[in-house]
Amino acid sequence: MKFDYAASAQLQGGRVTQQGWMIQGGNTQKFQFKVWAQDGNVIVPLQLVVYGPIELGPSGNDCFGTLVGSGPMAITDTVFGPPTWGQYFVTAYHPLEVQTNGTVSIQSVGGADLSQAQLSMDPIGD
């Protein structure tokens, strides 16, 4: 599927909002991810992160999940296995820059046409 990698995270009211995908699975199921963009004839691998398992917050109006793994996963042909059964949020990785004056911005990813990024996400067994 195509998506706009560059616009999948936005700064709004001092918070970062992100677009992504929800997957459901357990520790016996695995998913294979591939995400990339084109820069002319060159394929540029992009990065995803996975949070979960997703749980409702105390007020019921928000939810949360911890980052699965030790950091962003560079996805060129990566297999992800949820550590426990649940729902997981998969989203593009956007590093943040914090200036000395406290201003936060989303780092740009240069080169490729990120508005035409491609994602494939396939379950590979359980």
PDB file of N, CA and C in Angstrom:
ATOM      1  N   MET A   1       0.836  -1.169   0.000  1.00  0.00           N
ATOM      2  CA  MET A   1       0.000   0.000   0.000  1.00  0.00           C
ATOM      3  C   MET A   1       0.880   1.231   0.000  1.00  0.00           C
ATOM      4  N   LYS A   2       0.415   2.298  -0.610  1.00  0.00           N
ATOM      5  CA  LYS A   2       1.149   3.556  -0.623  1.00  0.00           C
ATOM      6  C   LYS A   2       0.674   4.425   0.535  1.00  0.00           C
ATOM      7  N   PHE A   3       1.603   5.209   1.077  1.00  0.00           N
ATOM      8  CA  PHE A   3       1.239   6.176   2.102  1.00  0.00           C
ATOM      9  C   PHE A   3       2.254   7.308   2.088  1.00  0.00           C
ATOM     10  N   ASP A   4       1.912   8.425   2.732  1.00  0.00           N
ATOM     11  CA  ASP A   4       2.804   9.581   2.793  1.00  0.00           C
ATOM     12  C   ASP A   4       3.625   9.499   4.070  1.00  0.00           C
ATOM     13  N   TYR A   5       4.816   8.948   3.953  1.00  0.00           N
ATOM     14  CA  TYR A   5       5.708   8.758   5.099  1.00  0.00           C
ATOM     15  C   TYR A   5       6.019  10.085   5.778  1.00  0.00           C
ATOM     16  N   ALA A   6       6.301  11.117   4.978  1.00  0.00           N
ATOM     17  CA  ALA A   6       6.704  12.407   5.528  1.00  0.00           C
ATOM     18  C   ALA A   6       5.584  13.061   6.329  1.00  0.00           C
ATOM     19  N   ALA A   7       4.335  12.820   5.959  1.00  0.00           N
ATOM     20  CA  ALA A   7       3.210  13.468   6.640  1.00  0.00           C
ATOM     21  C   ALA A   7       2.553  12.562   7.677  1.00  0.00           C
ATOM     22  N   SER A   8       3.161  11.428   7.992  1.00  0.00           N
ATOM     23  CA  SER A   8       2.519  10.501   8.927  1.00  0.00           C
ATOM     24  C   SER A   8       2.713  10.906  10.384  1.00  0.00           C
ATOM     25  N   ALA A   9       3.519  11.944  10.638  1.00  0.00           N
ATOM     26  CA  ALA A   9       3.639  12.511  11.984  1.00  0.00           C
ATOM     27  C   ALA A   9       3.481  14.019  11.868  1.00  0.00           C
ATOM     28  N   GLN A  10       2.762  14.612  12.831  1.00  0.00           N
ATOM     29  CA  GLN A  10       2.513  16.051  12.823  1.00  0.00           C
ATOM     30  C   GLN A  10       2.673  16.592  14.230  1.00  0.00           C
ATOM     31  N   LEU A  11       3.176  17.830  14.326  1.00  0.00           N
ATOM     32  CA  LEU A  11       3.194  18.530  15.613  1.00  0.00           C
ATOM     33  C   LEU A  11       1.887  19.290  15.734  1.00  0.00           C
ATOM     34  N   GLN A  12       1.152  19.044  16.826  1.00  0.00           N
ATOM     35  CA  GLN A  12      -0.126  19.715  17.050  1.00  0.00           C
ATOM     36  C   GLN A  12      -0.268  20.029  18.526  1.00  0.00           C
ATOM     37  N   GLY A  13      -0.335  21.310  18.849  1.00  0.00           N
ATOM     38  CA  GLY A  13      -0.551  21.720  20.238  1.00  0.00           C
ATOM     39  C   GLY A  13       0.501  21.202  21.194  1.00  0.00           C
ATOM     40  N   GLY A  14       1.750  21.176  20.778  1.00  0.00           N
ATOM     41  CA  GLY A  14       2.826  20.712  21.645  1.00  0.00           C
ATOM     42  C   GLY A  14       2.957  19.201  21.721  1.00  0.00           C
ATOM     43  N   ARG A  15       2.165  18.470  20.964  1.00  0.00           N
ATOM     44  CA  ARG A  15       2.232  17.006  20.939  1.00  0.00           C
ATOM     45  C   ARG A  15       2.494  16.519  19.531  1.00  0.00           C
ATOM     46  N   VAL A  16       3.016  15.325  19.445  1.00  0.00           N
ATOM     47  CA  VAL A  16       3.211  14.687  18.147  1.00  0.00           C
ATOM     48  C   VAL A  16       2.071  13.700  17.949  1.00  0.00           C
ATOM     49  N   THR A  17       1.340  13.856  16.857  1.00  0.00           N
ATOM     50  CA  THR A  17       0.324  12.865  16.506  1.00  0.00           C
ATOM     51  C   THR A  17       0.872  12.045  15.341  1.00  0.00           C
ATOM     52  N   GLN A  18       0.557  10.767  15.345  1.00  0.00           N
ATOM     53  CA  GLN A  18       1.088   9.875  14.315  1.00  0.00           C
ATOM     54  C   GLN A  18      -0.017   9.042  13.709  1.00  0.00           C
ATOM     55  N   GLN A  19       0.109   8.806  12.417  1.00  0.00           N
ATOM     56  CA  GLN A  19      -0.778   7.892  11.723  1.00  0.00           C
ATOM     57  C   GLN A  19      -0.056   6.561  11.595  1.00  0.00           C
ATOM     58  N   GLY A  20      -0.807   5.488  11.590  1.00  0.00           N
ATOM     59  CA  GLY A  20      -0.184   4.182  11.464  1.00  0.00           C
ATOM     60  C   GLY A  20      -1.216   3.094  11.298  1.00  0.00           C
ATOM     61  N   TRP A  21      -0.834   1.881  11.671  1.00  0.00           N
ATOM     62  CA  TRP A  21      -1.671   0.702  11.488  1.00  0.00           C
ATOM     63  C   TRP A  21      -1.739  -0.082  12.787  1.00  0.00           C
ATOM     64  N   MET A  22      -2.884  -0.693  13.031  1.00  0.00           N
ATOM     65  CA  MET A  22      -3.049  -1.573  14.186  1.00  0.00           C
ATOM     66  C   MET A  22      -2.956  -3.014  13.687  1.00  0.00           C
ATOM     67  N   ILE A  23      -2.178  -3.809  14.399  1.00  0.00           N
ATOM     68  CA  ILE A  23      -2.137  -5.241  14.117  1.00  0.00           C
ATOM     69  C   ILE A  23      -2.470  -5.975  15.409  1.00  0.00           C
ATOM     70  N   GLN A  24      -2.967  -7.168  15.290  1.00  0.00           N
ATOM     71  CA  GLN A  24      -3.282  -7.984  16.455  1.00  0.00           C
ATOM     72  C   GLN A  24      -2.581  -9.320  16.299  1.00  0.00           C
ATOM     73  N   GLY A  25      -1.936  -9.745  17.354  1.00  0.00           N
ATOM     74  CA  GLY A  25      -1.241 -11.020  17.297  1.00  0.00           C
ATOM     75  C   GLY A  25      -0.655 -11.380  18.642  1.00  0.00           C
ATOM     76  N   GLY A  26      -0.080 -12.555  18.697  1.00  0.00           N
ATOM     77  CA  GLY A  26       0.535 -13.040  19.923  1.00  0.00           C
ATOM     78  C   GLY A  26       1.932 -13.532  19.664  1.00  0.00           C
ATOM     79  N   ASN A  27       2.525 -14.110  20.701  1.00  0.00           N
ATOM     80  CA  ASN A  27       3.937 -14.471  20.602  1.00  0.00           C
ATOM     81  C   ASN A  27       4.220 -15.623  19.650  1.00  0.00           C
ATOM     82  N   THR A  28       3.205 -16.272  19.110  1.00  0.00           N
ATOM     83  CA  THR A  28       3.451 -17.332  18.128  1.00  0.00           C
ATOM     84  C   THR A  28       3.262 -16.835  16.698  1.00  0.00           C
ATOM     85  N   GLN A  29       2.699 -15.626  16.540  1.00  0.00           N
ATOM     86  CA  GLN A  29       2.470 -15.097  15.200  1.00  0.00           C
ATOM     87  C   GLN A  29       3.574 -14.112  14.837  1.00  0.00           C
ATOM     88  N   LYS A  30       3.936 -14.102  13.571  1.00  0.00           N
ATOM     89  CA  LYS A  30       4.985 -13.209  13.101  1.00  0.00           C
ATOM     90  C   LYS A  30       4.469 -12.417  11.904  1.00  0.00           C
ATOM     91  N   PHE A  31       4.997 -11.203  11.749  1.00  0.00           N
ATOM     92  CA  PHE A  31       4.648 -10.326  10.640  1.00  0.00           C
ATOM     93  C   PHE A  31       5.928  -9.925   9.922  1.00  0.00           C
ATOM     94  N   GLN A  32       5.872  -9.903   8.606  1.00  0.00           N
ATOM     95  CA  GLN A  32       7.022  -9.462   7.825  1.00  0.00           C
ATOM     96  C   GLN A  32       6.720  -8.075   7.278  1.00  0.00           C
ATOM     97  N   PHE A  33       7.622  -7.125   7.553  1.00  0.00           N
ATOM     98  CA  PHE A  33       7.466  -5.747   7.106  1.00  0.00           C
ATOM     99  C   PHE A  33       8.489  -5.422   6.033  1.00  0.00           C
ATOM    100  N   LYS A  34       8.067  -4.638   5.070  1.00  0.00           N
ATOM    101  CA  LYS A  34       8.964  -4.008   4.113  1.00  0.00           C
ATOM    102  C   LYS A  34       8.419  -2.599   3.906  1.00  0.00           C
ATOM    103  N   VAL A  35       9.264  -1.582   4.045  1.00  0.00           N
ATOM    104  CA  VAL A  35       8.827  -0.209   3.809  1.00  0.00           C
ATOM    105  C   VAL A  35       9.959   0.532   3.110  1.00  0.00           C
ATOM    106  N   TRP A  36       9.606   1.230   2.042  1.00  0.00           N
ATOM    107  CA  TRP A  36      10.627   1.866   1.230  1.00  0.00           C
ATOM    108  C   TRP A  36      10.025   3.017   0.422  1.00  0.00           C
ATOM    109  N   ALA A  37      10.922   3.817  -0.144  1.00  0.00           N
ATOM    110  CA  ALA A  37      10.552   4.867  -1.091  1.00  0.00           C
ATOM    111  C   ALA A  37      11.531   4.798  -2.251  1.00  0.00           C
ATOM    112  N   GLN A  38      11.188   5.449  -3.337  1.00  0.00           N
ATOM    113  CA  GLN A  38      12.054   5.474  -4.515  1.00  0.00           C
ATOM    114  C   GLN A  38      12.768   6.816  -4.598  1.00  0.00           C
ATOM    115  N   ASP A  39      14.035   6.801  -4.914  1.00  0.00           N
ATOM    116  CA  ASP A  39      14.809   7.997  -5.220  1.00  0.00           C
ATOM    117  C   ASP A  39      15.423   7.749  -6.589  1.00  0.00           C
ATOM    118  N   GLY A  40      14.667   8.073  -7.623  1.00  0.00           N
ATOM    119  CA  GLY A  40      15.079   7.702  -8.976  1.00  0.00           C
ATOM    120  C   GLY A  40      14.985   6.195  -9.120  1.00  0.00           C
ATOM    121  N   ASN A  41      16.098   5.540  -9.451  1.00  0.00           N
ATOM    122  CA  ASN A  41      16.123   4.086  -9.571  1.00  0.00           C
ATOM    123  C   ASN A  41      16.573   3.399  -8.282  1.00  0.00           C
ATOM    124  N   VAL A  42      16.837   4.182  -7.252  1.00  0.00           N
ATOM    125  CA  VAL A  42      17.359   3.632  -5.994  1.00  0.00           C
ATOM    126  C   VAL A  42      16.210   3.430  -5.007  1.00  0.00           C
ATOM    127  N   ILE A  43      16.180   2.259  -4.378  1.00  0.00           N
ATOM    128  CA  ILE A  43      15.197   1.985  -3.328  1.00  0.00           C
ATOM    129  C   ILE A  43      15.790   2.435  -2.000  1.00  0.00           C
ATOM    130  N   VAL A  44      15.044   3.283  -1.281  1.00  0.00           N
ATOM    131  CA  VAL A  44      15.492   3.816   0.002  1.00  0.00           C
ATOM    132  C   VAL A  44      14.706   3.127   1.112  1.00  0.00           C
ATOM    133  N   PRO A  45      15.360   2.314   1.960  1.00  0.00           N
ATOM    134  CA  PRO A  45      14.635   1.691   3.064  1.00  0.00           C
ATOM    135  C   PRO A  45      14.259   2.732   4.101  1.00  0.00           C
ATOM    136  N   LEU A  46      13.056   2.619   4.640  1.00  0.00           N
ATOM    137  CA  LEU A  46      12.570   3.535   5.668  1.00  0.00           C
ATOM    138  C   LEU A  46      12.432   2.788   6.986  1.00  0.00           C
ATOM    139  N   GLN A  47      12.038   3.491   8.025  1.00  0.00           N
ATOM    140  CA  GLN A  47      11.977   2.888   9.351  1.00  0.00           C
ATOM    141  C   GLN A  47      10.571   2.920   9.920  1.00  0.00           C
ATOM    142  N   LEU A  48      10.261   1.888  10.689  1.00  0.00           N
ATOM    143  CA  LEU A  48       9.006   1.801  11.434  1.00  0.00           C
ATOM    144  C   LEU A  48       9.323   1.565  12.903  1.00  0.00           C
ATOM    145  N   VAL A  49       8.367   1.873  13.755  1.00  0.00           N
ATOM    146  CA  VAL A  49       8.432   1.485  15.160  1.00  0.00           C
ATOM    147  C   VAL A  49       7.119   0.815  15.520  1.00  0.00           C
ATOM    148  N   VAL A  50       7.163  -0.037  16.524  1.00  0.00           N
ATOM    149  CA  VAL A  50       5.975  -0.757  16.977  1.00  0.00           C
ATOM    150  C   VAL A  50       5.812  -0.512  18.471  1.00  0.00           C
ATOM    151  N   TYR A  51       4.598  -0.119  18.864  1.00  0.00           N
ATOM    152  CA  TYR A  51       4.260   0.091  20.279  1.00  0.00           C
ATOM    153  C   TYR A  51       3.212  -0.925  20.682  1.00  0.00           C
ATOM    154  N   GLY A  52       3.313  -1.431  21.917  1.00  0.00           N
ATOM    155  CA  GLY A  52       2.265  -2.332  22.369  1.00  0.00           C
ATOM    156  C   GLY A  52       2.701  -3.219  23.512  1.00  0.00           C
ATOM    157  N   PRO A  53       1.810  -4.089  23.965  1.00  0.00           N
ATOM    158  CA  PRO A  53       0.413  -4.126  23.557  1.00  0.00           C
ATOM    159  C   PRO A  53      -0.306  -2.850  24.004  1.00  0.00           C
ATOM    160  N   ILE A  54      -1.260  -2.404  23.197  1.00  0.00           N
ATOM    161  CA  ILE A  54      -1.990  -1.162  23.445  1.00  0.00           C
ATOM    162  C   ILE A  54      -3.016  -1.409  24.556  1.00  0.00           C
ATOM    163  N   GLU A  55      -3.048  -0.486  25.512  1.00  0.00           N
ATOM    164  CA  GLU A  55      -4.003  -0.571  26.624  1.00  0.00           C
ATOM    165  C   GLU A  55      -4.718   0.758  26.775  1.00  0.00           C
ATOM    166  N   LEU A  56      -5.950   0.724  27.280  1.00  0.00           N
ATOM    167  CA  LEU A  56      -6.690   1.948  27.560  1.00  0.00           C
ATOM    168  C   LEU A  56      -6.102   2.632  28.781  1.00  0.00           C
ATOM    169  N   GLY A  57      -6.072   3.975  28.728  1.00  0.00           N
ATOM    170  CA  GLY A  57      -5.629   4.752  29.878  1.00  0.00           C
ATOM    171  C   GLY A  57      -6.703   4.785  30.942  1.00  0.00           C
ATOM    172  N   PRO A  58      -6.385   5.341  32.114  1.00  0.00           N
ATOM    173  CA  PRO A  58      -7.330   5.342  33.238  1.00  0.00           C
ATOM    174  C   PRO A  58      -8.647   6.052  32.944  1.00  0.00           C
ATOM    175  N   SER A  59      -8.617   7.097  32.101  1.00  0.00           N
ATOM    176  CA  SER A  59      -9.851   7.827  31.811  1.00  0.00           C
ATOM    177  C   SER A  59     -10.676   7.151  30.725  1.00  0.00           C
ATOM    178  N   GLY A  60     -10.076   6.212  30.000  1.00  0.00           N
ATOM    179  CA  GLY A  60     -10.777   5.560  28.908  1.00  0.00           C
ATOM    180  C   GLY A  60     -10.785   6.378  27.629  1.00  0.00           C
ATOM    181  N   ASN A  61     -10.233   7.606  27.685  1.00  0.00           N
ATOM    182  CA  ASN A  61     -10.211   8.470  26.501  1.00  0.00           C
ATOM    183  C   ASN A  61      -8.890   8.407  25.747  1.00  0.00           C
ATOM    184  N   ASP A  62      -7.909   7.771  26.319  1.00  0.00           N
ATOM    185  CA  ASP A  62      -6.622   7.677  25.647  1.00  0.00           C
ATOM    186  C   ASP A  62      -6.071   6.274  25.829  1.00  0.00           C
ATOM    187  N   CYS A  63      -5.032   5.965  25.078  1.00  0.00           N
ATOM    188  CA  CYS A  63      -4.426   4.653  25.189  1.00  0.00           C
ATOM    189  C   CYS A  63      -2.913   4.804  25.175  1.00  0.00           C
ATOM    190  N   PHE A  64      -2.230   3.744  25.534  1.00  0.00           N
ATOM    191  CA  PHE A  64      -0.779   3.802  25.585  1.00  0.00           C
ATOM    192  C   PHE A  64      -0.202   2.430  25.285  1.00  0.00           C
ATOM    193  N   GLY A  65       1.061   2.417  24.939  1.00  0.00           N
ATOM    194  CA  GLY A  65       1.803   1.188  24.703  1.00  0.00           C
ATOM    195  C   GLY A  65       3.278   1.513  24.727  1.00  0.00           C
ATOM    196  N   THR A  66       4.076   0.603  25.189  1.00  0.00           N
ATOM    197  CA  THR A  66       5.512   0.843  25.242  1.00  0.00           C
ATOM    198  C   THR A  66       6.148   0.473  23.904  1.00  0.00           C
ATOM    199  N   LEU A  67       7.285   1.090  23.634  1.00  0.00           N
ATOM    200  CA  LEU A  67       8.035   0.781  22.427  1.00  0.00           C
ATOM    201  C   LEU A  67       8.530  -0.653  22.540  1.00  0.00           C
ATOM    202  N   VAL A  68       8.226  -1.469  21.544  1.00  0.00           N
ATOM    203  CA  VAL A  68       8.660  -2.859  21.545  1.00  0.00           C
ATOM    204  C   VAL A  68      10.077  -2.902  20.967  1.00  0.00           C
ATOM    205  N   GLY A  69      11.001  -3.452  21.709  1.00  0.00           N
ATOM    206  CA  GLY A  69      12.390  -3.475  21.272  1.00  0.00           C
ATOM    207  C   GLY A  69      13.156  -2.317  21.876  1.00  0.00           C
ATOM    208  N   SER A  70      14.415  -2.169  21.460  1.00  0.00           N
ATOM    209  CA  SER A  70      15.273  -1.173  22.082  1.00  0.00           C
ATOM    210  C   SER A  70      15.303   0.141  21.331  1.00  0.00           C
ATOM    211  N   GLY A  71      14.607   0.241  20.221  1.00  0.00           N
ATOM    212  CA  GLY A  71      14.622   1.475  19.449  1.00  0.00           C
ATOM    213  C   GLY A  71      13.954   1.271  18.109  1.00  0.00           C
ATOM    214  N   PRO A  72      14.122   2.247  17.191  1.00  0.00           N
ATOM    215  CA  PRO A  72      13.474   2.104  15.888  1.00  0.00           C
ATOM    216  C   PRO A  72      14.014   0.907  15.127  1.00  0.00           C
ATOM    217  N   MET A  73      13.127   0.262  14.406  1.00  0.00           N
ATOM    218  CA  MET A  73      13.529  -0.907  13.622  1.00  0.00           C
ATOM    219  C   MET A  73      13.673  -0.473  12.173  1.00  0.00           C
ATOM    220  N   ALA A  74      14.856  -0.629  11.601  1.00  0.00           N
ATOM    221  CA  ALA A  74      15.038  -0.357  10.176  1.00  0.00           C
ATOM    222  C   ALA A  74      14.428  -1.522   9.419  1.00  0.00           C
ATOM    223  N   ILE A  75      13.381  -1.249   8.698  1.00  0.00           N
ATOM    224  CA  ILE A  75      12.612  -2.313   8.059  1.00  0.00           C
ATOM    225  C   ILE A  75      12.971  -2.370   6.581  1.00  0.00           C
ATOM    226  N   THR A  76      13.723  -3.361   6.197  1.00  0.00           N
ATOM    227  CA  THR A  76      13.910  -3.614   4.776  1.00  0.00           C
ATOM    228  C   THR A  76      13.320  -4.979   4.453  1.00  0.00           C
ATOM    229  N   ASP A  77      13.359  -5.872   5.395  1.00  0.00           N
ATOM    230  CA  ASP A  77      12.789  -7.206   5.243  1.00  0.00           C
ATOM    231  C   ASP A  77      12.796  -7.828   6.641  1.00  0.00           C
ATOM    232  N   THR A  78      12.113  -7.190   7.564  1.00  0.00           N
ATOM    233  CA  THR A  78      12.213  -7.524   8.977  1.00  0.00           C
ATOM    234  C   THR A  78      10.995  -8.299   9.445  1.00  0.00           C
ATOM    235  N   VAL A  79      11.227  -9.275  10.289  1.00  0.00           N
ATOM    236  CA  VAL A  79      10.148 -10.052  10.882  1.00  0.00           C
ATOM    237  C   VAL A  79       9.943  -9.569  12.315  1.00  0.00           C
ATOM    238  N   PHE A  80       8.684  -9.275  12.657  1.00  0.00           N
ATOM    239  CA  PHE A  80       8.322  -8.831  14.006  1.00  0.00           C
ATOM    240  C   PHE A  80       7.402  -9.872  14.614  1.00  0.00           C
ATOM    241  N   GLY A  81       7.719 -10.305  15.820  1.00  0.00           N
ATOM    242  CA  GLY A  81       6.877 -11.224  16.566  1.00  0.00           C
ATOM    243  C   GLY A  81       6.411 -10.553  17.843  1.00  0.00           C
ATOM    244  N   PRO A  82       5.105 -10.270  17.984  1.00  0.00           N
ATOM    245  CA  PRO A  82       4.618  -9.649  19.214  1.00  0.00           C
ATOM    246  C   PRO A  82       4.999 -10.491  20.425  1.00  0.00           C
ATOM    247  N   PRO A  83       5.551  -9.869  21.472  1.00  0.00           N
ATOM    248  CA  PRO A  83       5.990 -10.637  22.631  1.00  0.00           C
ATOM    249  C   PRO A  83       4.837 -11.269  23.428  1.00  0.00           C
ATOM    250  N   THR A  84       3.675 -10.628  23.442  1.00  0.00           N
ATOM    251  CA  THR A  84       2.484 -11.177  24.104  1.00  0.00           C
ATOM    252  C   THR A  84       1.275 -10.875  23.226  1.00  0.00           C
ATOM    253  N   TRP A  85       0.176 -11.601  23.482  1.00  0.00           N
ATOM    254  CA  TRP A  85      -1.028 -11.393  22.687  1.00  0.00           C
ATOM    255  C   TRP A  85      -1.567  -9.985  22.945  1.00  0.00           C
ATOM    256  N   GLY A  86      -1.968  -9.307  21.880  1.00  0.00           N
ATOM    257  CA  GLY A  86      -2.563  -7.988  22.028  1.00  0.00           C
ATOM    258  C   GLY A  86      -2.608  -7.246  20.716  1.00  0.00           C
ATOM    259  N   GLN A  87      -2.965  -5.973  20.819  1.00  0.00           N
ATOM    260  CA  GLN A  87      -2.976  -5.097  19.665  1.00  0.00           C
ATOM    261  C   GLN A  87      -1.734  -4.222  19.711  1.00  0.00           C
ATOM    262  N   TYR A  88      -1.122  -3.999  18.542  1.00  0.00           N
ATOM    263  CA  TYR A  88       0.113  -3.240  18.438  1.00  0.00           C
ATOM    264  C   TYR A  88      -0.062  -2.135  17.400  1.00  0.00           C
ATOM    265  N   PHE A  89       0.538  -0.985  17.673  1.00  0.00           N
ATOM    266  CA  PHE A  89       0.485   0.165  16.777  1.00  0.00           C
ATOM    267  C   PHE A  89       1.804   0.250  16.021  1.00  0.00           C
ATOM    268  N   VAL A  90       1.719   0.186  14.692  1.00  0.00           N
ATOM    269  CA  VAL A  90       2.892   0.261  13.817  1.00  0.00           C
ATOM    270  C   VAL A  90       2.860   1.622  13.136  1.00  0.00           C
ATOM    271  N   THR A  91       3.961   2.366  13.197  1.00  0.00           N
ATOM    272  CA  THR A  91       3.990   3.694  12.604  1.00  0.00           C
ATOM    273  C   THR A  91       5.376   4.014  12.072  1.00  0.00           C
ATOM    274  N   ALA A  92       5.451   5.012  11.211  1.00  0.00           N
ATOM    275  CA  ALA A  92       6.737   5.455  10.680  1.00  0.00           C
ATOM    276  C   ALA A  92       7.565   6.078  11.799  1.00  0.00           C
ATOM    277  N   TYR A  93       8.880   5.887  11.736  1.00  0.00           N
ATOM    278  CA  TYR A  93       9.793   6.468  12.718  1.00  0.00           C
ATOM    279  C   TYR A  93      10.195   7.869  12.269  1.00  0.00           C
ATOM    280  N   HIS A  94       9.932   8.853  13.114  1.00  0.00           N
ATOM    281  CA  HIS A  94      10.302  10.240  12.848  1.00  0.00           C
ATOM    282  C   HIS A  94      11.116  10.770  14.031  1.00  0.00           C
ATOM    283  N   PRO A  95      12.432  10.921  13.878  1.00  0.00           N
ATOM    284  CA  PRO A  95      13.214  11.478  14.980  1.00  0.00           C
ATOM    285  C   PRO A  95      12.841  12.940  15.224  1.00  0.00           C
ATOM    286  N   LEU A  96      12.864  13.336  16.480  1.00  0.00           N
ATOM    287  CA  LEU A  96      12.548  14.712  16.860  1.00  0.00           C
ATOM    288  C   LEU A  96      13.836  15.467  17.157  1.00  0.00           C
ATOM    289  N   GLU A  97      13.849  16.749  16.827  1.00  0.00           N
ATOM    290  CA  GLU A  97      14.960  17.621  17.171  1.00  0.00           C
ATOM    291  C   GLU A  97      14.461  18.608  18.211  1.00  0.00           C
ATOM    292  N   VAL A  98      15.209  18.762  19.304  1.00  0.00           N
ATOM    293  CA  VAL A  98      14.875  19.735  20.337  1.00  0.00           C
ATOM    294  C   VAL A  98      15.961  20.800  20.321  1.00  0.00           C
ATOM    295  N   GLN A  99      15.561  22.041  20.031  1.00  0.00           N
ATOM    296  CA  GLN A  99      16.503  23.154  19.996  1.00  0.00           C
ATOM    297  C   GLN A  99      16.823  23.620  21.412  1.00  0.00           C
ATOM    298  N   THR A 100      17.866  24.404  21.575  1.00  0.00           N
ATOM    299  CA  THR A 100      18.250  24.897  22.901  1.00  0.00           C
ATOM    300  C   THR A 100      17.167  25.776  23.520  1.00  0.00           C
ATOM    301  N   ASN A 101      16.325  26.397  22.687  1.00  0.00           N
ATOM    302  CA  ASN A 101      15.234  27.225  23.223  1.00  0.00           C
ATOM    303  C   ASN A 101      13.985  26.400  23.544  1.00  0.00           C
ATOM    304  N   GLY A 102      14.062  25.083  23.390  1.00  0.00           N
ATOM    305  CA  GLY A 102      12.937  24.210  23.720  1.00  0.00           C
ATOM    306  C   GLY A 102      12.011  23.912  22.556  1.00  0.00           C
ATOM    307  N   THR A 103      12.238  24.524  21.400  1.00  0.00           N
ATOM    308  CA  THR A 103      11.410  24.269  20.223  1.00  0.00           C
ATOM    309  C   THR A 103      11.645  22.846  19.724  1.00  0.00           C
ATOM    310  N   VAL A 104      10.539  22.155  19.438  1.00  0.00           N
ATOM    311  CA  VAL A 104      10.616  20.782  18.944  1.00  0.00           C
ATOM    312  C   VAL A 104      10.225  20.774  17.473  1.00  0.00           C
ATOM    313  N   SER A 105      10.967  20.037  16.669  1.00  0.00           N
ATOM    314  CA  SER A 105      10.599  19.863  15.265  1.00  0.00           C
ATOM    315  C   SER A 105      10.827  18.411  14.869  1.00  0.00           C
ATOM    316  N   ILE A 106      10.155  18.002  13.817  1.00  0.00           N
ATOM    317  CA  ILE A 106      10.306  16.648  13.288  1.00  0.00           C
ATOM    318  C   ILE A 106      11.416  16.678  12.254  1.00  0.00           C
ATOM    319  N   GLN A 107      12.410  15.819  12.420  1.00  0.00           N
ATOM    320  CA  GLN A 107      13.526  15.756  11.478  1.00  0.00           C
ATOM    321  C   GLN A 107      13.034  15.335  10.105  1.00  0.00           C
ATOM    322  N   SER A 108      13.566  15.950   9.088  1.00  0.00           N
ATOM    323  CA  SER A 108      13.185  15.556   7.736  1.00  0.00           C
ATOM    324  C   SER A 108      14.020  14.367   7.279  1.00  0.00           C
ATOM    325  N   VAL A 109      13.456  13.608   6.380  1.00  0.00           N
ATOM    326  CA  VAL A 109      14.169  12.495   5.756  1.00  0.00           C
ATOM    327  C   VAL A 109      14.320  12.887   4.299  1.00  0.00           C
ATOM    328  N   GLY A 110      15.544  13.100   3.851  1.00  0.00           N
ATOM    329  CA  GLY A 110      15.757  13.677   2.523  1.00  0.00           C
ATOM    330  C   GLY A 110      15.851  12.651   1.413  1.00  0.00           C
ATOM    331  N   GLY A 111      15.872  13.194   0.186  1.00  0.00           N
ATOM    332  CA  GLY A 111      16.162  12.353  -0.965  1.00  0.00           C
ATOM    333  C   GLY A 111      14.959  11.844  -1.721  1.00  0.00           C
ATOM    334  N   ALA A 112      14.314  10.847  -1.195  1.00  0.00           N
ATOM    335  CA  ALA A 112      13.269  10.133  -1.924  1.00  0.00           C
ATOM    336  C   ALA A 112      11.927  10.872  -1.863  1.00  0.00           C
ATOM    337  N   ASP A 113      11.019  10.486  -2.754  1.00  0.00           N
ATOM    338  CA  ASP A 113       9.648  11.004  -2.740  1.00  0.00           C
ATOM    339  C   ASP A 113       8.864  10.246  -1.668  1.00  0.00           C
ATOM    340  N   LEU A 114       8.813  10.823  -0.471  1.00  0.00           N
ATOM    341  CA  LEU A 114       8.205  10.127   0.663  1.00  0.00           C
ATOM    342  C   LEU A 114       6.686  10.118   0.603  1.00  0.00           C
ATOM    343  N   SER A 115       6.098  10.938  -0.286  1.00  0.00           N
ATOM    344  CA  SER A 115       4.637  10.920  -0.406  1.00  0.00           C
ATOM    345  C   SER A 115       4.161   9.653  -1.102  1.00  0.00           C
ATOM    346  N   GLN A 116       5.074   8.925  -1.724  1.00  0.00           N
ATOM    347  CA  GLN A 116       4.730   7.684  -2.421  1.00  0.00           C
ATOM    348  C   GLN A 116       5.440   6.483  -1.791  1.00  0.00           C
ATOM    349  N   ALA A 117       5.643   6.542  -0.470  1.00  0.00           N
ATOM    350  CA  ALA A 117       6.274   5.422   0.218  1.00  0.00           C
ATOM    351  C   ALA A 117       5.405   4.182   0.085  1.00  0.00           C
ATOM    352  N   GLN A 118       6.041   3.034   0.159  1.00  0.00           N
ATOM    353  CA  GLN A 118       5.343   1.750   0.018  1.00  0.00           C
ATOM    354  C   GLN A 118       5.518   0.932   1.288  1.00  0.00           C
ATOM    355  N   LEU A 119       4.458   0.269   1.709  1.00  0.00           N
ATOM    356  CA  LEU A 119       4.514  -0.609   2.870  1.00  0.00           C
ATOM    357  C   LEU A 119       3.883  -1.934   2.506  1.00  0.00           C
ATOM    358  N   SER A 120       4.574  -3.023   2.834  1.00  0.00           N
ATOM    359  CA  SER A 120       3.923  -4.326   2.790  1.00  0.00           C
ATOM    360  C   SER A 120       4.079  -4.946   4.177  1.00  0.00           C
ATOM    361  N   MET A 121       2.999  -5.542   4.643  1.00  0.00           N
ATOM    362  CA  MET A 121       2.951  -6.110   5.991  1.00  0.00           C
ATOM    363  C   MET A 121       2.174  -7.414   5.873  1.00  0.00           C
ATOM    364  N   ASP A 122       2.861  -8.519   6.039  1.00  0.00           N
ATOM    365  CA  ASP A 122       2.233  -9.816   5.824  1.00  0.00           C
ATOM    366  C   ASP A 122       2.409 -10.714   7.040  1.00  0.00           C
ATOM    367  N   PRO A 123       1.311 -11.330   7.544  1.00  0.00           N
ATOM    368  CA  PRO A 123       1.461 -12.351   8.573  1.00  0.00           C
ATOM    369  C   PRO A 123       2.164 -13.570   7.966  1.00  0.00           C
ATOM    370  N   ILE A 124       3.094 -14.164   8.703  1.00  0.00           N
ATOM    371  CA  ILE A 124       3.827 -15.301   8.128  1.00  0.00           C
ATOM    372  C   ILE A 124       3.686 -16.572   8.950  1.00  0.00           C
ATOM    373  N   GLY A 125       2.628 -16.657   9.705  1.00  0.00           N
ATOM    374  CA  GLY A 125       2.382 -17.909  10.419  1.00  0.00           C
ATOM    375  C   GLY A 125       2.012 -17.681  11.861  1.00  0.00           C
ATOM    376  N   ASP A 126       1.543 -18.726  12.492  1.00  0.00           N
ATOM    377  CA  ASP A 126       1.225 -18.629  13.921  1.00  0.00           C
ATOM    378  C   ASP A 126       1.414 -19.977  14.565  1.00  0.00           C
TER     379      ASP A 126
END
